[in-house]
Amino acid sequence: MSKDMKLIMENWRGNVLQEQSIRTVGDLKKVINSHRLSQAGKETGKLAVDTFVEEIPVLGTAFRLFGASKDSKEILRKLYSAEDSFKTNTGLDKINIDDDVSKIVDDEIENAFLKALVDMLNDMDDLEEIPDVNVALQNFLKRKFNQHSVEAK
């Protein structure tokens, strides 16, 4: 390993996310960017993913869920539409919509919401908590449909 790569990895390990600390928008962005870099064939991204999985084994399941997804919207879609039983015990679980709510909401509306979710996350400060998509979807529906919405139980 080159000296530069070794230095990058040492710094990365020093900042590696701990399981309970994947709770901020910045943490979510790091996970997404690592996966995107690994899918683009970037060595740094592959090493970052390996480091994440080594440090936080449950993220291996999340990265497998992401599959070959290369953009943020598709990665968020995979988390959003995962079965309710899919759990990472991290803040990533807040992105998983209640399956029964998803059955009620039209796919076209969910697609518009996912686009809005990407924009919302990009506009949020990295230190803000990952939002609960069930609440975010309710607010989105209220704005779009004259204060009408659905509620997750």
N, C-alpha and C. Protein backbone atom coordinates (compact mmCIF):
# COMPACT_ATOMS: atom_id res chain seq x y z
N MET A 1 0.86 -1.17 0.00
CA MET A 1 0.00 0.00 0.00
C MET A 1 0.91 1.24 0.00
N SER A 2 0.59 2.21 -0.84
CA SER A 2 1.42 3.41 -0.91
C SER A 2 1.31 4.20 0.39
N LYS A 3 2.31 5.08 0.60
CA LYS A 3 2.31 5.89 1.82
C LYS A 3 1.06 6.76 1.90
N ASP A 4 0.67 7.33 0.75
CA ASP A 4 -0.52 8.19 0.74
C ASP A 4 -1.78 7.41 1.10
N MET A 5 -1.92 6.22 0.51
CA MET A 5 -3.10 5.40 0.78
C MET A 5 -3.11 4.96 2.24
N LYS A 6 -1.94 4.63 2.77
CA LYS A 6 -1.86 4.22 4.16
C LYS A 6 -2.30 5.37 5.07
N LEU A 7 -1.86 6.57 4.77
CA LEU A 7 -2.23 7.75 5.55
C LEU A 7 -3.74 7.99 5.46
N ILE A 8 -4.30 7.86 4.25
CA ILE A 8 -5.74 8.04 4.07
C ILE A 8 -6.51 7.04 4.93
N MET A 9 -6.08 5.77 4.89
CA MET A 9 -6.79 4.74 5.64
C MET A 9 -6.63 4.92 7.15
N GLU A 10 -5.47 5.36 7.59
CA GLU A 10 -5.29 5.61 9.03
C GLU A 10 -6.22 6.73 9.48
N ASN A 11 -6.30 7.79 8.68
CA ASN A 11 -7.20 8.90 9.02
C ASN A 11 -8.66 8.44 8.96
N TRP A 12 -8.97 7.60 7.97
CA TRP A 12 -10.33 7.09 7.83
C TRP A 12 -10.72 6.27 9.05
N ARG A 13 -9.83 5.36 9.45
CA ARG A 13 -10.14 4.52 10.61
C ARG A 13 -10.34 5.35 11.87
N GLY A 14 -9.62 6.45 11.95
CA GLY A 14 -9.78 7.33 13.10
C GLY A 14 -11.14 7.99 13.13
N ASN A 15 -11.75 8.12 11.94
CA ASN A 15 -13.06 8.77 11.85
C ASN A 15 -14.18 7.80 11.52
N VAL A 16 -13.87 6.50 11.55
CA VAL A 16 -14.87 5.50 11.16
C VAL A 16 -16.10 5.63 12.05
N LEU A 17 -17.25 5.46 11.42
CA LEU A 17 -18.51 5.58 12.13
C LEU A 17 -18.75 4.36 13.01
N GLN A 18 -19.10 4.59 14.22
CA GLN A 18 -19.48 3.49 15.10
C GLN A 18 -20.96 3.22 14.91
N GLU A 19 -21.36 1.99 15.15
CA GLU A 19 -22.73 1.55 14.88
C GLU A 19 -23.77 2.53 15.42
N GLN A 20 -23.66 2.90 16.68
CA GLN A 20 -24.66 3.77 17.26
C GLN A 20 -24.52 5.21 16.81
N SER A 21 -23.39 5.56 16.14
CA SER A 21 -23.20 6.95 15.75
C SER A 21 -23.65 7.22 14.32
N ILE A 22 -24.15 6.25 13.60
CA ILE A 22 -24.70 6.52 12.27
C ILE A 22 -26.10 7.07 12.49
N ARG A 23 -26.12 8.37 12.77
CA ARG A 23 -27.40 8.99 13.07
C ARG A 23 -27.56 10.35 12.43
N THR A 24 -26.48 10.91 11.88
CA THR A 24 -26.58 12.23 11.28
C THR A 24 -26.63 12.14 9.76
N VAL A 25 -27.07 13.22 9.17
CA VAL A 25 -27.10 13.31 7.71
C VAL A 25 -25.69 13.16 7.15
N GLY A 26 -24.70 13.71 7.83
CA GLY A 26 -23.31 13.57 7.39
C GLY A 26 -22.87 12.11 7.40
N ASP A 27 -23.28 11.36 8.42
CA ASP A 27 -22.96 9.93 8.49
C ASP A 27 -23.60 9.20 7.31
N LEU A 28 -24.86 9.52 7.02
CA LEU A 28 -25.57 8.90 5.91
C LEU A 28 -24.86 9.20 4.59
N LYS A 29 -24.44 10.44 4.42
CA LYS A 29 -23.74 10.83 3.19
C LYS A 29 -22.42 10.06 3.04
N LYS A 30 -21.71 9.84 4.15
CA LYS A 30 -20.46 9.09 4.09
C LYS A 30 -20.71 7.65 3.64
N VAL A 31 -21.76 7.04 4.18
CA VAL A 31 -22.09 5.66 3.80
C VAL A 31 -22.45 5.61 2.31
N ILE A 32 -23.29 6.53 1.86
CA ILE A 32 -23.71 6.56 0.46
C ILE A 32 -22.52 6.82 -0.45
N ASN A 33 -21.70 7.81 -0.11
CA ASN A 33 -20.54 8.13 -0.95
C ASN A 33 -19.54 6.99 -1.02
N SER A 34 -19.34 6.29 0.07
CA SER A 34 -18.44 5.14 0.07
C SER A 34 -18.94 4.07 -0.90
N HIS A 35 -20.24 3.80 -0.83
CA HIS A 35 -20.81 2.80 -1.74
C HIS A 35 -20.69 3.26 -3.19
N ARG A 36 -21.00 4.52 -3.44
CA ARG A 36 -20.92 5.04 -4.82
C ARG A 36 -19.51 4.93 -5.36
N LEU A 37 -18.51 5.29 -4.54
CA LEU A 37 -17.12 5.18 -4.98
C LEU A 37 -16.73 3.73 -5.25
N SER A 38 -17.21 2.83 -4.41
CA SER A 38 -16.87 1.42 -4.61
C SER A 38 -17.49 0.89 -5.90
N GLN A 39 -18.71 1.33 -6.22
CA GLN A 39 -19.37 0.89 -7.45
C GLN A 39 -18.74 1.51 -8.69
N ALA A 40 -18.10 2.66 -8.51
CA ALA A 40 -17.43 3.30 -9.64
C ALA A 40 -16.05 2.69 -9.88
N GLY A 41 -15.70 1.71 -9.03
CA GLY A 41 -14.42 1.03 -9.20
C GLY A 41 -13.26 1.77 -8.57
N LYS A 42 -13.55 2.74 -7.74
CA LYS A 42 -12.50 3.52 -7.08
C LYS A 42 -11.92 2.73 -5.92
N GLU A 43 -10.61 2.60 -5.89
CA GLU A 43 -9.94 1.83 -4.83
C GLU A 43 -10.24 2.40 -3.45
N THR A 44 -10.24 3.73 -3.33
CA THR A 44 -10.51 4.35 -2.04
C THR A 44 -11.90 3.98 -1.55
N GLY A 45 -12.88 3.96 -2.47
CA GLY A 45 -14.25 3.59 -2.10
C GLY A 45 -14.34 2.15 -1.65
N LYS A 46 -13.66 1.26 -2.36
CA LYS A 46 -13.67 -0.15 -1.97
C LYS A 46 -13.05 -0.34 -0.60
N LEU A 47 -11.95 0.36 -0.35
CA LEU A 47 -11.30 0.26 0.97
C LEU A 47 -12.21 0.84 2.05
N ALA A 48 -12.90 1.93 1.73
CA ALA A 48 -13.80 2.54 2.70
C ALA A 48 -14.94 1.58 3.05
N VAL A 49 -15.52 0.94 2.03
CA VAL A 49 -16.60 -0.02 2.27
C VAL A 49 -16.08 -1.18 3.12
N ASP A 50 -14.90 -1.70 2.77
CA ASP A 50 -14.31 -2.80 3.55
C ASP A 50 -14.11 -2.38 5.00
N THR A 51 -13.65 -1.15 5.20
CA THR A 51 -13.42 -0.64 6.56
C THR A 51 -14.73 -0.52 7.31
N PHE A 52 -15.77 0.04 6.64
CA PHE A 52 -17.09 0.13 7.26
C PHE A 52 -17.56 -1.24 7.72
N VAL A 53 -17.48 -2.21 6.82
CA VAL A 53 -18.00 -3.55 7.11
C VAL A 53 -17.18 -4.20 8.22
N GLU A 54 -15.88 -3.95 8.21
CA GLU A 54 -15.02 -4.51 9.27
C GLU A 54 -15.38 -3.92 10.62
N GLU A 55 -15.62 -2.62 10.65
CA GLU A 55 -15.91 -1.93 11.91
C GLU A 55 -17.37 -2.09 12.35
N ILE A 56 -18.27 -2.15 11.37
CA ILE A 56 -19.70 -2.23 11.66
C ILE A 56 -20.29 -3.33 10.79
N PRO A 57 -20.20 -4.58 11.23
CA PRO A 57 -20.60 -5.71 10.39
C PRO A 57 -22.01 -5.62 9.80
N VAL A 58 -22.97 -5.03 10.52
CA VAL A 58 -24.33 -4.96 9.98
C VAL A 58 -24.40 -4.13 8.71
N LEU A 59 -23.41 -3.28 8.48
CA LEU A 59 -23.42 -2.48 7.26
C LEU A 59 -23.15 -3.33 6.03
N GLY A 60 -22.56 -4.51 6.22
CA GLY A 60 -22.39 -5.42 5.09
C GLY A 60 -23.73 -5.76 4.47
N THR A 61 -24.74 -5.94 5.30
CA THR A 61 -26.09 -6.21 4.83
C THR A 61 -26.63 -5.01 4.05
N ALA A 62 -26.39 -3.81 4.55
CA ALA A 62 -26.86 -2.61 3.86
C ALA A 62 -26.17 -2.46 2.51
N PHE A 63 -24.84 -2.67 2.48
CA PHE A 63 -24.13 -2.54 1.21
C PHE A 63 -24.59 -3.59 0.21
N ARG A 64 -24.92 -4.79 0.68
CA ARG A 64 -25.47 -5.82 -0.22
C ARG A 64 -26.85 -5.38 -0.73
N LEU A 65 -27.64 -4.75 0.13
CA LEU A 65 -28.95 -4.24 -0.27
C LEU A 65 -28.80 -3.19 -1.38
N PHE A 66 -27.78 -2.34 -1.27
CA PHE A 66 -27.56 -1.29 -2.26
C PHE A 66 -27.24 -1.88 -3.62
N GLY A 67 -26.64 -3.09 -3.63
CA GLY A 67 -26.30 -3.75 -4.88
C GLY A 67 -25.43 -2.89 -5.78
N ALA A 68 -25.81 -2.80 -7.03
CA ALA A 68 -25.03 -2.06 -8.02
C ALA A 68 -25.48 -0.60 -8.13
N SER A 69 -26.29 -0.13 -7.19
CA SER A 69 -26.77 1.25 -7.23
C SER A 69 -25.60 2.21 -7.25
N LYS A 70 -25.69 3.20 -8.13
CA LYS A 70 -24.57 4.14 -8.27
C LYS A 70 -24.92 5.56 -7.90
N ASP A 71 -26.20 5.87 -7.73
CA ASP A 71 -26.52 7.25 -7.36
C ASP A 71 -27.29 7.29 -6.04
N SER A 72 -27.27 8.46 -5.43
CA SER A 72 -27.87 8.63 -4.11
C SER A 72 -29.35 8.27 -4.09
N LYS A 73 -30.08 8.68 -5.13
CA LYS A 73 -31.52 8.41 -5.15
C LYS A 73 -31.79 6.91 -5.16
N GLU A 74 -31.02 6.16 -5.93
CA GLU A 74 -31.25 4.71 -6.00
C GLU A 74 -30.87 4.03 -4.68
N ILE A 75 -29.80 4.49 -4.05
CA ILE A 75 -29.40 3.93 -2.75
C ILE A 75 -30.48 4.21 -1.71
N LEU A 76 -30.97 5.47 -1.69
CA LEU A 76 -32.04 5.81 -0.76
C LEU A 76 -33.30 5.01 -1.07
N ARG A 77 -33.59 4.76 -2.35
CA ARG A 77 -34.75 3.96 -2.73
C ARG A 77 -34.64 2.55 -2.15
N LYS A 78 -33.43 1.97 -2.19
CA LYS A 78 -33.24 0.62 -1.67
C LYS A 78 -33.51 0.59 -0.16
N LEU A 79 -33.00 1.60 0.57
CA LEU A 79 -33.26 1.67 2.01
C LEU A 79 -34.74 1.92 2.27
N TYR A 80 -35.31 2.83 1.51
CA TYR A 80 -36.71 3.22 1.65
C TYR A 80 -37.65 2.04 1.48
N SER A 81 -37.37 1.23 0.47
CA SER A 81 -38.31 0.16 0.12
C SER A 81 -37.94 -1.20 0.71
N ALA A 82 -36.94 -1.25 1.55
CA ALA A 82 -36.56 -2.52 2.18
C ALA A 82 -37.71 -3.04 3.05
N GLU A 83 -37.77 -4.35 3.19
CA GLU A 83 -38.78 -4.96 4.06
C GLU A 83 -38.66 -4.37 5.47
N ASP A 84 -39.78 -4.27 6.17
CA ASP A 84 -39.75 -3.74 7.54
C ASP A 84 -38.84 -4.56 8.44
N SER A 85 -38.63 -5.81 8.11
CA SER A 85 -37.77 -6.67 8.94
C SER A 85 -36.28 -6.37 8.73
N PHE A 86 -35.94 -5.61 7.68
CA PHE A 86 -34.55 -5.26 7.42
C PHE A 86 -34.11 -4.23 8.46
N LYS A 87 -33.12 -4.57 9.26
CA LYS A 87 -32.64 -3.69 10.32
C LYS A 87 -31.12 -3.67 10.33
N THR A 88 -30.57 -2.47 10.47
CA THR A 88 -29.13 -2.32 10.64
C THR A 88 -28.80 -1.88 12.06
N ASN A 89 -29.83 -1.52 12.83
CA ASN A 89 -29.65 -0.97 14.17
C ASN A 89 -28.78 0.28 14.13
N THR A 90 -28.95 1.05 13.06
CA THR A 90 -28.29 2.34 12.90
C THR A 90 -29.35 3.34 12.46
N GLY A 91 -28.93 4.58 12.28
CA GLY A 91 -29.84 5.60 11.78
C GLY A 91 -30.33 5.33 10.37
N LEU A 92 -29.67 4.40 9.67
CA LEU A 92 -30.12 4.05 8.32
C LEU A 92 -31.54 3.49 8.35
N ASP A 93 -31.92 2.90 9.48
CA ASP A 93 -33.26 2.32 9.61
C ASP A 93 -34.35 3.39 9.50
N LYS A 94 -34.02 4.66 9.77
CA LYS A 94 -35.00 5.74 9.67
C LYS A 94 -35.41 6.01 8.22
N ILE A 95 -34.62 5.50 7.27
CA ILE A 95 -34.93 5.72 5.85
C ILE A 95 -35.91 4.67 5.34
N ASN A 96 -36.16 3.61 6.10
CA ASN A 96 -37.05 2.53 5.68
C ASN A 96 -38.51 2.91 5.97
N ILE A 97 -39.30 3.06 4.90
CA ILE A 97 -40.71 3.42 5.05
C ILE A 97 -41.51 2.21 5.55
N ASP A 98 -42.54 2.47 6.30
CA ASP A 98 -43.45 1.41 6.74
C ASP A 98 -44.04 0.75 5.49
N ASP A 99 -43.94 -0.56 5.40
CA ASP A 99 -44.39 -1.28 4.20
C ASP A 99 -45.87 -1.05 3.89
N ASP A 100 -46.71 -0.95 4.91
CA ASP A 100 -48.14 -0.74 4.68
C ASP A 100 -48.41 0.66 4.13
N VAL A 101 -47.65 1.65 4.57
CA VAL A 101 -47.78 3.01 4.03
C VAL A 101 -47.39 3.00 2.56
N SER A 102 -46.31 2.31 2.26
CA SER A 102 -45.84 2.23 0.87
C SER A 102 -46.88 1.59 -0.04
N LYS A 103 -47.63 0.62 0.47
CA LYS A 103 -48.67 -0.03 -0.33
C LYS A 103 -49.80 0.94 -0.67
N ILE A 104 -50.04 1.90 0.22
CA ILE A 104 -51.14 2.85 0.04
C ILE A 104 -50.76 3.97 -0.93
N VAL A 105 -49.53 4.45 -0.81
CA VAL A 105 -49.09 5.61 -1.59
C VAL A 105 -48.70 5.17 -3.01
N ASP A 106 -49.22 5.87 -3.99
CA ASP A 106 -48.96 5.59 -5.39
C ASP A 106 -47.47 5.69 -5.70
N ASP A 107 -46.98 4.81 -6.57
CA ASP A 107 -45.55 4.79 -6.92
C ASP A 107 -45.07 6.13 -7.47
N GLU A 108 -45.88 6.77 -8.27
CA GLU A 108 -45.50 8.07 -8.84
C GLU A 108 -45.27 9.11 -7.73
N ILE A 109 -46.10 9.08 -6.72
CA ILE A 109 -45.96 10.00 -5.59
C ILE A 109 -44.71 9.65 -4.78
N GLU A 110 -44.47 8.35 -4.58
CA GLU A 110 -43.26 7.93 -3.87
C GLU A 110 -42.01 8.35 -4.62
N ASN A 111 -42.02 8.25 -5.94
CA ASN A 111 -40.87 8.69 -6.74
C ASN A 111 -40.62 10.18 -6.57
N ALA A 112 -41.70 10.96 -6.59
CA ALA A 112 -41.57 12.41 -6.37
C ALA A 112 -41.03 12.69 -4.97
N PHE A 113 -41.52 11.92 -3.99
CA PHE A 113 -41.03 12.09 -2.62
C PHE A 113 -39.55 11.76 -2.51
N LEU A 114 -39.10 10.67 -3.14
CA LEU A 114 -37.68 10.29 -3.08
C LEU A 114 -36.79 11.37 -3.68
N LYS A 115 -37.26 11.97 -4.77
CA LYS A 115 -36.51 13.09 -5.36
C LYS A 115 -36.43 14.25 -4.36
N ALA A 116 -37.56 14.55 -3.74
CA ALA A 116 -37.59 15.62 -2.74
C ALA A 116 -36.73 15.27 -1.52
N LEU A 117 -36.69 13.97 -1.16
CA LEU A 117 -35.87 13.52 -0.03
C LEU A 117 -34.39 13.75 -0.30
N VAL A 118 -33.95 13.44 -1.51
CA VAL A 118 -32.54 13.67 -1.87
C VAL A 118 -32.23 15.16 -1.73
N ASP A 119 -33.11 16.01 -2.26
CA ASP A 119 -32.90 17.46 -2.15
C ASP A 119 -32.90 17.91 -0.69
N MET A 120 -33.84 17.36 0.10
CA MET A 120 -33.92 17.73 1.51
C MET A 120 -32.64 17.36 2.25
N LEU A 121 -32.13 16.15 2.01
CA LEU A 121 -30.90 15.72 2.68
C LEU A 121 -29.72 16.57 2.26
N ASN A 122 -29.67 16.93 0.98
CA ASN A 122 -28.58 17.78 0.50
C ASN A 122 -28.62 19.17 1.12
N ASP A 123 -29.82 19.64 1.44
CA ASP A 123 -29.98 20.97 2.05
C ASP A 123 -29.76 20.96 3.56
N MET A 124 -29.79 19.78 4.17
CA MET A 124 -29.63 19.69 5.62
C MET A 124 -28.17 19.79 6.03
N ASP A 125 -27.95 20.29 7.22
CA ASP A 125 -26.61 20.33 7.79
C ASP A 125 -26.16 18.91 8.12
N ASP A 126 -24.88 18.63 7.92
CA ASP A 126 -24.36 17.28 8.17
C ASP A 126 -24.53 16.83 9.62
N LEU A 127 -24.70 17.74 10.55
CA LEU A 127 -24.83 17.38 11.96
C LEU A 127 -26.27 17.12 12.38
N GLU A 128 -27.23 17.36 11.48
CA GLU A 128 -28.63 17.10 11.81
C GLU A 128 -28.90 15.60 11.81
N GLU A 129 -29.85 15.19 12.64
CA GLU A 129 -30.25 13.79 12.72
C GLU A 129 -30.85 13.34 11.39
N ILE A 130 -30.65 12.08 11.04
CA ILE A 130 -31.29 11.51 9.86
C ILE A 130 -32.80 11.58 10.11
N PRO A 131 -33.55 12.15 9.16
CA PRO A 131 -34.99 12.27 9.39
C PRO A 131 -35.70 10.93 9.23
N ASP A 132 -36.81 10.78 9.92
CA ASP A 132 -37.66 9.61 9.80
C ASP A 132 -38.48 9.79 8.52
N VAL A 133 -38.34 8.88 7.55
CA VAL A 133 -39.03 9.06 6.28
C VAL A 133 -40.54 8.94 6.41
N ASN A 134 -41.02 8.23 7.42
CA ASN A 134 -42.46 8.16 7.61
C ASN A 134 -43.03 9.54 7.90
N VAL A 135 -42.36 10.30 8.76
CA VAL A 135 -42.78 11.66 9.09
C VAL A 135 -42.56 12.58 7.89
N ALA A 136 -41.41 12.45 7.23
CA ALA A 136 -41.11 13.29 6.07
C ALA A 136 -42.12 13.06 4.95
N LEU A 137 -42.53 11.80 4.73
CA LEU A 137 -43.53 11.52 3.70
C LEU A 137 -44.88 12.13 4.09
N GLN A 138 -45.25 12.04 5.35
CA GLN A 138 -46.51 12.65 5.80
C GLN A 138 -46.50 14.15 5.52
N ASN A 139 -45.40 14.80 5.84
CA ASN A 139 -45.30 16.25 5.61
C ASN A 139 -45.34 16.57 4.11
N PHE A 140 -44.67 15.75 3.31
CA PHE A 140 -44.67 15.93 1.86
C PHE A 140 -46.09 15.82 1.31
N LEU A 141 -46.82 14.80 1.75
CA LEU A 141 -48.20 14.60 1.29
C LEU A 141 -49.09 15.76 1.70
N LYS A 142 -48.92 16.25 2.92
CA LYS A 142 -49.73 17.38 3.39
C LYS A 142 -49.50 18.61 2.53
N ARG A 143 -48.23 18.86 2.17
CA ARG A 143 -47.92 20.02 1.32
C ARG A 143 -48.53 19.85 -0.07
N LYS A 144 -48.52 18.65 -0.59
CA LYS A 144 -48.98 18.40 -1.96
C LYS A 144 -50.48 18.20 -2.08
N PHE A 145 -51.12 17.72 -1.01
CA PHE A 145 -52.51 17.30 -1.11
C PHE A 145 -53.40 17.95 -0.05
N ASN A 146 -53.31 19.27 0.06
CA ASN A 146 -54.24 20.04 0.88
C ASN A 146 -54.40 19.49 2.30
N GLN A 147 -53.26 19.23 2.94
CA GLN A 147 -53.19 18.75 4.32
C GLN A 147 -53.68 17.31 4.53
N HIS A 148 -53.86 16.54 3.47
CA HIS A 148 -54.21 15.12 3.59
C HIS A 148 -52.93 14.29 3.59
N SER A 149 -52.96 13.18 4.33
CA SER A 149 -51.77 12.36 4.47
C SER A 149 -52.15 10.94 4.88
N VAL A 150 -51.14 10.11 5.08
CA VAL A 150 -51.30 8.78 5.66
C VAL A 150 -50.40 8.71 6.88
N GLU A 151 -50.72 7.80 7.78
CA GLU A 151 -49.96 7.72 9.02
C GLU A 151 -49.45 6.31 9.25
N ALA A 152 -48.16 6.21 9.62
CA ALA A 152 -47.59 4.91 9.98
C ALA A 152 -47.89 4.64 11.45
N LYS A 153 -48.23 3.41 11.76
CA LYS A 153 -48.52 3.04 13.17
C LYS A 153 -47.38 2.23 13.71
